[in-house]
Amino acid sequence: MSVGQQEPVHSKVAEDLEHVFDVPVNVSAVLGRTKLEIGELLRLGPGTVLELDRRVGEAIDIFVNDRLVARGEVVLVDDRLGVTMTEIIKSDR
């Protein structure tokens, strides 16, 4: 390669990642949190309402392998709940 020429840039495509497509990950969507004493936890039953630290319509946290990666909204897809991502959280790593 002569002076002034740059090495060709190879663009990444999905096929480059095929070897990791089968790696399992844990995905969690956290609607909110609350703290309970063990006695309160043991008294919970069907129909119990827990007050969470979030308001209706507030974004939920989406974790992959216990790491916050995005925020999103709860959606209804057919008769099931789902999550749509509205914000990707950038990592410092």
PDB file of N, CA and C in Angstrom:
ATOM      1  N   MET A   1       0.856  -1.179   0.000  1.00  0.00           N
ATOM      2  CA  MET A   1       0.000   0.000   0.000  1.00  0.00           C
ATOM      3  C   MET A   1       0.898   1.236   0.000  1.00  0.00           C
ATOM      4  N   SER A   2       0.634   2.179  -0.855  1.00  0.00           N
ATOM      5  CA  SER A   2       1.469   3.365  -0.955  1.00  0.00           C
ATOM      6  C   SER A   2       1.035   4.414   0.062  1.00  0.00           C
ATOM      7  N   VAL A   3       1.901   5.393   0.256  1.00  0.00           N
ATOM      8  CA  VAL A   3       1.622   6.470   1.199  1.00  0.00           C
ATOM      9  C   VAL A   3       0.371   7.212   0.750  1.00  0.00           C
ATOM     10  N   GLY A   4      -0.503   7.503   1.673  1.00  0.00           N
ATOM     11  CA  GLY A   4      -1.709   8.246   1.365  1.00  0.00           C
ATOM     12  C   GLY A   4      -2.907   7.356   1.091  1.00  0.00           C
ATOM     13  N   GLN A   5      -2.664   6.072   0.795  1.00  0.00           N
ATOM     14  CA  GLN A   5      -3.780   5.159   0.584  1.00  0.00           C
ATOM     15  C   GLN A   5      -4.237   4.614   1.928  1.00  0.00           C
ATOM     16  N   GLN A   6      -5.526   4.459   2.070  1.00  0.00           N
ATOM     17  CA  GLN A   6      -6.076   3.912   3.303  1.00  0.00           C
ATOM     18  C   GLN A   6      -6.476   2.471   3.089  1.00  0.00           C
ATOM     19  N   GLU A   7      -6.415   1.715   4.176  1.00  0.00           N
ATOM     20  CA  GLU A   7      -6.855   0.331   4.133  1.00  0.00           C
ATOM     21  C   GLU A   7      -8.356   0.307   3.887  1.00  0.00           C
ATOM     22  N   PRO A   8      -8.861  -0.648   3.080  1.00  0.00           N
ATOM     23  CA  PRO A   8     -10.311  -0.683   2.826  1.00  0.00           C
ATOM     24  C   PRO A   8     -11.092  -0.917   4.120  1.00  0.00           C
ATOM     25  N   VAL A   9     -12.227  -0.251   4.234  1.00  0.00           N
ATOM     26  CA  VAL A   9     -13.083  -0.384   5.405  1.00  0.00           C
ATOM     27  C   VAL A   9     -14.112  -1.471   5.107  1.00  0.00           C
ATOM     28  N   HIS A  10     -14.216  -2.458   6.002  1.00  0.00           N
ATOM     29  CA  HIS A  10     -15.186  -3.535   5.837  1.00  0.00           C
ATOM     30  C   HIS A  10     -16.399  -3.222   6.704  1.00  0.00           C
ATOM     31  N   SER A  11     -17.570  -3.141   6.089  1.00  0.00           N
ATOM     32  CA  SER A  11     -18.775  -2.872   6.869  1.00  0.00           C
ATOM     33  C   SER A  11     -19.234  -4.157   7.542  1.00  0.00           C
ATOM     34  N   LYS A  12     -19.764  -4.034   8.726  1.00  0.00           N
ATOM     35  CA  LYS A  12     -20.261  -5.168   9.491  1.00  0.00           C
ATOM     36  C   LYS A  12     -21.691  -5.461   9.070  1.00  0.00           C
ATOM     37  N   VAL A  13     -21.995  -6.734   8.940  1.00  0.00           N
ATOM     38  CA  VAL A  13     -23.342  -7.152   8.588  1.00  0.00           C
ATOM     39  C   VAL A  13     -23.774  -8.234   9.565  1.00  0.00           C
ATOM     40  N   ALA A  14     -25.072  -8.543   9.584  1.00  0.00           N
ATOM     41  CA  ALA A  14     -25.618  -9.527  10.516  1.00  0.00           C
ATOM     42  C   ALA A  14     -24.903 -10.868  10.413  1.00  0.00           C
ATOM     43  N   GLU A  15     -24.493 -11.274   9.213  1.00  0.00           N
ATOM     44  CA  GLU A  15     -23.815 -12.564   9.057  1.00  0.00           C
ATOM     45  C   GLU A  15     -22.522 -12.627   9.868  1.00  0.00           C
ATOM     46  N   ASP A  16     -21.888 -11.482  10.120  1.00  0.00           N
ATOM     47  CA  ASP A  16     -20.656 -11.461  10.906  1.00  0.00           C
ATOM     48  C   ASP A  16     -20.906 -11.897  12.346  1.00  0.00           C
ATOM     49  N   LEU A  17     -22.136 -11.801  12.800  1.00  0.00           N
ATOM     50  CA  LEU A  17     -22.473 -12.129  14.185  1.00  0.00           C
ATOM     51  C   LEU A  17     -23.154 -13.486  14.330  1.00  0.00           C
ATOM     52  N   GLU A  18     -23.262 -14.242  13.250  1.00  0.00           N
ATOM     53  CA  GLU A  18     -23.993 -15.505  13.284  1.00  0.00           C
ATOM     54  C   GLU A  18     -23.542 -16.433  14.392  1.00  0.00           C
ATOM     55  N   HIS A  19     -22.261 -16.445  14.735  1.00  0.00           N
ATOM     56  CA  HIS A  19     -21.763 -17.361  15.755  1.00  0.00           C
ATOM     57  C   HIS A  19     -22.278 -17.039  17.159  1.00  0.00           C
ATOM     58  N   VAL A  20     -22.873 -15.885  17.370  1.00  0.00           N
ATOM     59  CA  VAL A  20     -23.413 -15.553  18.696  1.00  0.00           C
ATOM     60  C   VAL A  20     -24.940 -15.562  18.729  1.00  0.00           C
ATOM     61  N   PHE A  21     -25.585 -15.846  17.612  1.00  0.00           N
ATOM     62  CA  PHE A  21     -27.051 -15.821  17.559  1.00  0.00           C
ATOM     63  C   PHE A  21     -27.696 -16.823  18.504  1.00  0.00           C
ATOM     64  N   ASP A  22     -27.045 -17.932  18.814  1.00  0.00           N
ATOM     65  CA  ASP A  22     -27.621 -18.958  19.673  1.00  0.00           C
ATOM     66  C   ASP A  22     -27.231 -18.811  21.143  1.00  0.00           C
ATOM     67  N   VAL A  23     -26.537 -17.746  21.513  1.00  0.00           N
ATOM     68  CA  VAL A  23     -26.142 -17.533  22.906  1.00  0.00           C
ATOM     69  C   VAL A  23     -27.350 -17.035  23.688  1.00  0.00           C
ATOM     70  N   PRO A  24     -27.763 -17.762  24.740  1.00  0.00           N
ATOM     71  CA  PRO A  24     -28.933 -17.325  25.499  1.00  0.00           C
ATOM     72  C   PRO A  24     -28.625 -16.107  26.383  1.00  0.00           C
ATOM     73  N   VAL A  25     -29.592 -15.207  26.486  1.00  0.00           N
ATOM     74  CA  VAL A  25     -29.478 -14.051  27.382  1.00  0.00           C
ATOM     75  C   VAL A  25     -30.783 -13.927  28.164  1.00  0.00           C
ATOM     76  N   ASN A  26     -30.708 -13.344  29.345  1.00  0.00           N
ATOM     77  CA  ASN A  26     -31.895 -13.084  30.160  1.00  0.00           C
ATOM     78  C   ASN A  26     -32.347 -11.650  29.925  1.00  0.00           C
ATOM     79  N   VAL A  27     -33.604 -11.488  29.536  1.00  0.00           N
ATOM     80  CA  VAL A  27     -34.165 -10.163  29.301  1.00  0.00           C
ATOM     81  C   VAL A  27     -35.270  -9.935  30.324  1.00  0.00           C
ATOM     82  N   SER A  28     -35.212  -8.799  31.031  1.00  0.00           N
ATOM     83  CA  SER A  28     -36.218  -8.451  32.037  1.00  0.00           C
ATOM     84  C   SER A  28     -36.763  -7.061  31.753  1.00  0.00           C
ATOM     85  N   ALA A  29     -38.063  -6.912  31.906  1.00  0.00           N
ATOM     86  CA  ALA A  29     -38.702  -5.607  31.794  1.00  0.00           C
ATOM     87  C   ALA A  29     -39.264  -5.280  33.173  1.00  0.00           C
ATOM     88  N   VAL A  30     -38.722  -4.266  33.811  1.00  0.00           N
ATOM     89  CA  VAL A  30     -39.088  -3.926  35.186  1.00  0.00           C
ATOM     90  C   VAL A  30     -40.104  -2.792  35.179  1.00  0.00           C
ATOM     91  N   LEU A  31     -41.320  -3.109  35.621  1.00  0.00           N
ATOM     92  CA  LEU A  31     -42.402  -2.117  35.672  1.00  0.00           C
ATOM     93  C   LEU A  31     -42.214  -1.149  36.828  1.00  0.00           C
ATOM     94  N   GLY A  32     -41.612  -1.612  37.888  1.00  0.00           N
ATOM     95  CA  GLY A  32     -41.406  -0.796  39.075  1.00  0.00           C
ATOM     96  C   GLY A  32     -40.917  -1.669  40.208  1.00  0.00           C
ATOM     97  N   ARG A  33     -40.637  -1.034  41.347  1.00  0.00           N
ATOM     98  CA  ARG A  33     -40.128  -1.760  42.506  1.00  0.00           C
ATOM     99  C   ARG A  33     -40.864  -1.290  43.759  1.00  0.00           C
ATOM    100  N   THR A  34     -40.823  -2.155  44.760  1.00  0.00           N
ATOM    101  CA  THR A  34     -41.339  -1.797  46.073  1.00  0.00           C
ATOM    102  C   THR A  34     -40.580  -2.593  47.109  1.00  0.00           C
ATOM    103  N   LYS A  35     -40.607  -2.153  48.353  1.00  0.00           N
ATOM    104  CA  LYS A  35     -39.959  -2.882  49.442  1.00  0.00           C
ATOM    105  C   LYS A  35     -41.034  -3.395  50.384  1.00  0.00           C
ATOM    106  N   LEU A  36     -40.892  -4.647  50.786  1.00  0.00           N
ATOM    107  CA  LEU A  36     -41.826  -5.262  51.716  1.00  0.00           C
ATOM    108  C   LEU A  36     -41.057  -5.961  52.817  1.00  0.00           C
ATOM    109  N   GLU A  37     -41.658  -6.002  53.984  1.00  0.00           N
ATOM    110  CA  GLU A  37     -41.106  -6.841  55.046  1.00  0.00           C
ATOM    111  C   GLU A  37     -41.555  -8.263  54.779  1.00  0.00           C
ATOM    112  N   ILE A  38     -40.831  -9.233  55.281  1.00  0.00           N
ATOM    113  CA  ILE A  38     -41.155 -10.640  55.038  1.00  0.00           C
ATOM    114  C   ILE A  38     -42.578 -10.960  55.482  1.00  0.00           C
ATOM    115  N   GLY A  39     -43.021 -10.420  56.597  1.00  0.00           N
ATOM    116  CA  GLY A  39     -44.387 -10.651  57.071  1.00  0.00           C
ATOM    117  C   GLY A  39     -45.422 -10.165  56.060  1.00  0.00           C
ATOM    118  N   GLU A  40     -45.176  -8.998  55.477  1.00  0.00           N
ATOM    119  CA  GLU A  40     -46.087  -8.471  54.453  1.00  0.00           C
ATOM    120  C   GLU A  40     -46.078  -9.359  53.209  1.00  0.00           C
ATOM    121  N   LEU A  41     -44.909  -9.817  52.826  1.00  0.00           N
ATOM    122  CA  LEU A  41     -44.779 -10.680  51.663  1.00  0.00           C
ATOM    123  C   LEU A  41     -45.571 -11.976  51.844  1.00  0.00           C
ATOM    124  N   LEU A  42     -45.508 -12.537  53.048  1.00  0.00           N
ATOM    125  CA  LEU A  42     -46.212 -13.787  53.323  1.00  0.00           C
ATOM    126  C   LEU A  42     -47.727 -13.610  53.330  1.00  0.00           C
ATOM    127  N   ARG A  43     -48.205 -12.389  53.564  1.00  0.00           N
ATOM    128  CA  ARG A  43     -49.649 -12.131  53.578  1.00  0.00           C
ATOM    129  C   ARG A  43     -50.223 -11.810  52.197  1.00  0.00           C
ATOM    130  N   LEU A  44     -49.373 -11.725  51.179  1.00  0.00           N
ATOM    131  CA  LEU A  44     -49.857 -11.434  49.835  1.00  0.00           C
ATOM    132  C   LEU A  44     -50.696 -12.594  49.317  1.00  0.00           C
ATOM    133  N   GLY A  45     -51.722 -12.276  48.585  1.00  0.00           N
ATOM    134  CA  GLY A  45     -52.577 -13.303  48.007  1.00  0.00           C
ATOM    135  C   GLY A  45     -53.159 -12.826  46.701  1.00  0.00           C
ATOM    136  N   PRO A  46     -53.959 -13.660  46.075  1.00  0.00           N
ATOM    137  CA  PRO A  46     -54.594 -13.264  44.817  1.00  0.00           C
ATOM    138  C   PRO A  46     -55.383 -11.963  44.984  1.00  0.00           C
ATOM    139  N   GLY A  47     -55.215 -11.057  44.056  1.00  0.00           N
ATOM    140  CA  GLY A  47     -55.938  -9.792  44.104  1.00  0.00           C
ATOM    141  C   GLY A  47     -55.232  -8.697  44.883  1.00  0.00           C
ATOM    142  N   THR A  48     -54.124  -9.018  45.528  1.00  0.00           N
ATOM    143  CA  THR A  48     -53.377  -8.008  46.274  1.00  0.00           C
ATOM    144  C   THR A  48     -52.795  -6.985  45.305  1.00  0.00           C
ATOM    145  N   VAL A  49     -52.887  -5.721  45.650  1.00  0.00           N
ATOM    146  CA  VAL A  49     -52.329  -4.649  44.830  1.00  0.00           C
ATOM    147  C   VAL A  49     -51.079  -4.125  45.525  1.00  0.00           C
ATOM    148  N   LEU A  50     -49.976  -4.073  44.780  1.00  0.00           N
ATOM    149  CA  LEU A  50     -48.721  -3.527  45.308  1.00  0.00           C
ATOM    150  C   LEU A  50     -48.474  -2.159  44.698  1.00  0.00           C
ATOM    151  N   GLU A  51     -48.148  -1.205  45.529  1.00  0.00           N
ATOM    152  CA  GLU A  51     -47.809   0.128  45.031  1.00  0.00           C
ATOM    153  C   GLU A  51     -46.345   0.125  44.613  1.00  0.00           C
ATOM    154  N   LEU A  52     -46.094   0.502  43.358  1.00  0.00           N
ATOM    155  CA  LEU A  52     -44.737   0.526  42.826  1.00  0.00           C
ATOM    156  C   LEU A  52     -44.196   1.949  42.825  1.00  0.00           C
ATOM    157  N   ASP A  53     -42.906   2.072  42.579  1.00  0.00           N
ATOM    158  CA  ASP A  53     -42.247   3.378  42.599  1.00  0.00           C
ATOM    159  C   ASP A  53     -42.346   4.124  41.269  1.00  0.00           C
ATOM    160  N   ARG A  54     -43.239   3.714  40.387  1.00  0.00           N
ATOM    161  CA  ARG A  54     -43.421   4.369  39.091  1.00  0.00           C
ATOM    162  C   ARG A  54     -44.870   4.777  38.907  1.00  0.00           C
ATOM    163  N   ARG A  55     -45.080   5.754  38.055  1.00  0.00           N
ATOM    164  CA  ARG A  55     -46.428   6.210  37.733  1.00  0.00           C
ATOM    165  C   ARG A  55     -46.909   5.543  36.446  1.00  0.00           C
ATOM    166  N   VAL A  56     -48.214   5.501  36.267  1.00  0.00           N
ATOM    167  CA  VAL A  56     -48.798   4.976  35.033  1.00  0.00           C
ATOM    168  C   VAL A  56     -48.266   5.793  33.866  1.00  0.00           C
ATOM    169  N   GLY A  57     -47.814   5.116  32.818  1.00  0.00           N
ATOM    170  CA  GLY A  57     -47.294   5.786  31.635  1.00  0.00           C
ATOM    171  C   GLY A  57     -45.819   6.102  31.692  1.00  0.00           C
ATOM    172  N   GLU A  58     -45.200   5.938  32.860  1.00  0.00           N
ATOM    173  CA  GLU A  58     -43.767   6.202  32.992  1.00  0.00           C
ATOM    174  C   GLU A  58     -42.990   5.062  32.333  1.00  0.00           C
ATOM    175  N   ALA A  59     -41.843   5.382  31.755  1.00  0.00           N
ATOM    176  CA  ALA A  59     -41.024   4.381  31.063  1.00  0.00           C
ATOM    177  C   ALA A  59     -40.612   3.263  32.014  1.00  0.00           C
ATOM    178  N   ILE A  60     -40.513   2.053  31.457  1.00  0.00           N
ATOM    179  CA  ILE A  60     -40.036   0.908  32.228  1.00  0.00           C
ATOM    180  C   ILE A  60     -38.585   0.637  31.853  1.00  0.00           C
ATOM    181  N   ASP A  61     -37.852  -0.041  32.737  1.00  0.00           N
ATOM    182  CA  ASP A  61     -36.455  -0.375  32.484  1.00  0.00           C
ATOM    183  C   ASP A  61     -36.357  -1.750  31.842  1.00  0.00           C
ATOM    184  N   ILE A  62     -35.487  -1.865  30.845  1.00  0.00           N
ATOM    185  CA  ILE A  62     -35.261  -3.138  30.161  1.00  0.00           C
ATOM    186  C   ILE A  62     -33.818  -3.549  30.427  1.00  0.00           C
ATOM    187  N   PHE A  63     -33.670  -4.724  31.029  1.00  0.00           N
ATOM    188  CA  PHE A  63     -32.355  -5.242  31.388  1.00  0.00           C
ATOM    189  C   PHE A  63     -32.029  -6.454  30.532  1.00  0.00           C
ATOM    190  N   VAL A  64     -30.769  -6.578  30.134  1.00  0.00           N
ATOM    191  CA  VAL A  64     -30.259  -7.791  29.490  1.00  0.00           C
ATOM    192  C   VAL A  64     -29.119  -8.282  30.366  1.00  0.00           C
ATOM    193  N   ASN A  65     -29.259  -9.517  30.862  1.00  0.00           N
ATOM    194  CA  ASN A  65     -28.273 -10.089  31.790  1.00  0.00           C
ATOM    195  C   ASN A  65     -27.980  -9.133  32.951  1.00  0.00           C
ATOM    196  N   ASP A  66     -29.045  -8.627  33.561  1.00  0.00           N
ATOM    197  CA  ASP A  66     -28.969  -7.744  34.741  1.00  0.00           C
ATOM    198  C   ASP A  66     -28.294  -6.400  34.466  1.00  0.00           C
ATOM    199  N   ARG A  67     -28.220  -6.006  33.208  1.00  0.00           N
ATOM    200  CA  ARG A  67     -27.612  -4.729  32.859  1.00  0.00           C
ATOM    201  C   ARG A  67     -28.643  -3.873  32.132  1.00  0.00           C
ATOM    202  N   LEU A  68     -28.850  -2.637  32.616  1.00  0.00           N
ATOM    203  CA  LEU A  68     -29.819  -1.728  32.002  1.00  0.00           C
ATOM    204  C   LEU A  68     -29.350  -1.378  30.589  1.00  0.00           C
ATOM    205  N   VAL A  69     -30.193  -1.696  29.584  1.00  0.00           N
ATOM    206  CA  VAL A  69     -29.815  -1.418  28.201  1.00  0.00           C
ATOM    207  C   VAL A  69     -30.796  -0.495  27.488  1.00  0.00           C
ATOM    208  N   ALA A  70     -32.023  -0.381  28.021  1.00  0.00           N
ATOM    209  CA  ALA A  70     -33.016   0.434  27.321  1.00  0.00           C
ATOM    210  C   ALA A  70     -34.154   0.799  28.264  1.00  0.00           C
ATOM    211  N   ARG A  71     -34.982   1.721  27.803  1.00  0.00           N
ATOM    212  CA  ARG A  71     -36.236   2.055  28.473  1.00  0.00           C
ATOM    213  C   ARG A  71     -37.333   1.886  27.439  1.00  0.00           C
ATOM    214  N   GLY A  72     -38.545   1.623  27.910  1.00  0.00           N
ATOM    215  CA  GLY A  72     -39.610   1.393  26.955  1.00  0.00           C
ATOM    216  C   GLY A  72     -40.982   1.564  27.544  1.00  0.00           C
ATOM    217  N   GLU A  73     -41.976   1.138  26.767  1.00  0.00           N
ATOM    218  CA  GLU A  73     -43.379   1.239  27.165  1.00  0.00           C
ATOM    219  C   GLU A  73     -44.036  -0.126  27.050  1.00  0.00           C
ATOM    220  N   VAL A  74     -44.998  -0.363  27.920  1.00  0.00           N
ATOM    221  CA  VAL A  74     -45.775  -1.592  27.847  1.00  0.00           C
ATOM    222  C   VAL A  74     -46.809  -1.436  26.741  1.00  0.00           C
ATOM    223  N   VAL A  75     -46.931  -2.468  25.909  1.00  0.00           N
ATOM    224  CA  VAL A  75     -47.907  -2.458  24.813  1.00  0.00           C
ATOM    225  C   VAL A  75     -48.711  -3.751  24.860  1.00  0.00           C
ATOM    226  N   LEU A  76     -49.862  -3.745  24.233  1.00  0.00           N
ATOM    227  CA  LEU A  76     -50.699  -4.931  24.127  1.00  0.00           C
ATOM    228  C   LEU A  76     -50.593  -5.459  22.704  1.00  0.00           C
ATOM    229  N   VAL A  77     -50.171  -6.721  22.565  1.00  0.00           N
ATOM    230  CA  VAL A  77     -50.022  -7.358  21.261  1.00  0.00           C
ATOM    231  C   VAL A  77     -50.918  -8.588  21.264  1.00  0.00           C
ATOM    232  N   ASP A  78     -51.986  -8.540  20.474  1.00  0.00           N
ATOM    233  CA  ASP A  78     -53.029  -9.564  20.526  1.00  0.00           C
ATOM    234  C   ASP A  78     -53.501  -9.632  21.981  1.00  0.00           C
ATOM    235  N   ASP A  79     -53.510 -10.710  22.659  1.00  0.00           N
ATOM    236  CA  ASP A  79     -53.950 -10.707  24.057  1.00  0.00           C
ATOM    237  C   ASP A  79     -52.783 -10.843  25.022  1.00  0.00           C
ATOM    238  N   ARG A  80     -51.615 -10.376  24.619  1.00  0.00           N
ATOM    239  CA  ARG A  80     -50.417 -10.507  25.449  1.00  0.00           C
ATOM    240  C   ARG A  80     -49.772  -9.141  25.672  1.00  0.00           C
ATOM    241  N   LEU A  81     -49.071  -9.040  26.799  1.00  0.00           N
ATOM    242  CA  LEU A  81     -48.315  -7.818  27.060  1.00  0.00           C
ATOM    243  C   LEU A  81     -46.977  -7.899  26.351  1.00  0.00           C
ATOM    244  N   GLY A  82     -46.508  -6.780  25.882  1.00  0.00           N
ATOM    245  CA  GLY A  82     -45.205  -6.690  25.251  1.00  0.00           C
ATOM    246  C   GLY A  82     -44.533  -5.398  25.662  1.00  0.00           C
ATOM    247  N   VAL A  83     -43.332  -5.198  25.191  1.00  0.00           N
ATOM    248  CA  VAL A  83     -42.579  -3.986  25.504  1.00  0.00           C
ATOM    249  C   VAL A  83     -42.006  -3.439  24.210  1.00  0.00           C
ATOM    250  N   THR A  84     -42.144  -2.153  24.007  1.00  0.00           N
ATOM    251  CA  THR A  84     -41.504  -1.494  22.880  1.00  0.00           C
ATOM    252  C   THR A  84     -40.410  -0.585  23.428  1.00  0.00           C
ATOM    253  N   MET A  85     -39.224  -0.659  22.845  1.00  0.00           N
ATOM    254  CA  MET A  85     -38.119   0.158  23.319  1.00  0.00           C
ATOM    255  C   MET A  85     -38.249   1.581  22.779  1.00  0.00           C
ATOM    256  N   THR A  86     -38.118   2.548  23.658  1.00  0.00           N
ATOM    257  CA  THR A  86     -38.212   3.953  23.252  1.00  0.00           C
ATOM    258  C   THR A  86     -36.890   4.689  23.408  1.00  0.00           C
ATOM    259  N   GLU A  87     -35.958   4.090  24.168  1.00  0.00           N
ATOM    260  CA  GLU A  87     -34.671   4.738  24.416  1.00  0.00           C
ATOM    261  C   GLU A  87     -33.614   3.663  24.654  1.00  0.00           C
ATOM    262  N   ILE A  88     -32.494   3.767  23.972  1.00  0.00           N
ATOM    263  CA  ILE A  88     -31.367   2.866  24.187  1.00  0.00           C
ATOM    264  C   ILE A  88     -30.402   3.564  25.147  1.00  0.00           C
ATOM    265  N   ILE A  89     -29.978   2.835  26.176  1.00  0.00           N
ATOM    266  CA  ILE A  89     -29.053   3.396  27.174  1.00  0.00           C
ATOM    267  C   ILE A  89     -27.630   3.086  26.729  1.00  0.00           C
ATOM    268  N   LYS A  90     -26.833   4.108  26.550  1.00  0.00           N
ATOM    269  CA  LYS A  90     -25.443   3.905  26.143  1.00  0.00           C
ATOM    270  C   LYS A  90     -24.619   3.449  27.334  1.00  0.00           C
ATOM    271  N   SER A  91     -23.731   2.523  27.069  1.00  0.00           N
ATOM    272  CA  SER A  91     -22.865   1.965  28.105  1.00  0.00           C
ATOM    273  C   SER A  91     -21.561   2.758  28.152  1.00  0.00           C
ATOM    274  N   ASP A  92     -20.972   2.810  29.345  1.00  0.00           N
ATOM    275  CA  ASP A  92     -19.672   3.484  29.491  1.00  0.00           C
ATOM    276  C   ASP A  92     -18.527   2.539  29.155  1.00  0.00           C
ATOM    277  N   ARG A  93     -18.843   1.253  28.913  1.00  0.00           N
ATOM    278  CA  ARG A  93     -17.783   0.285  28.613  1.00  0.00           C
ATOM    279  C   ARG A  93     -17.449   0.276  27.155  1.00  0.00           C
TER     280      ARG A  93
END
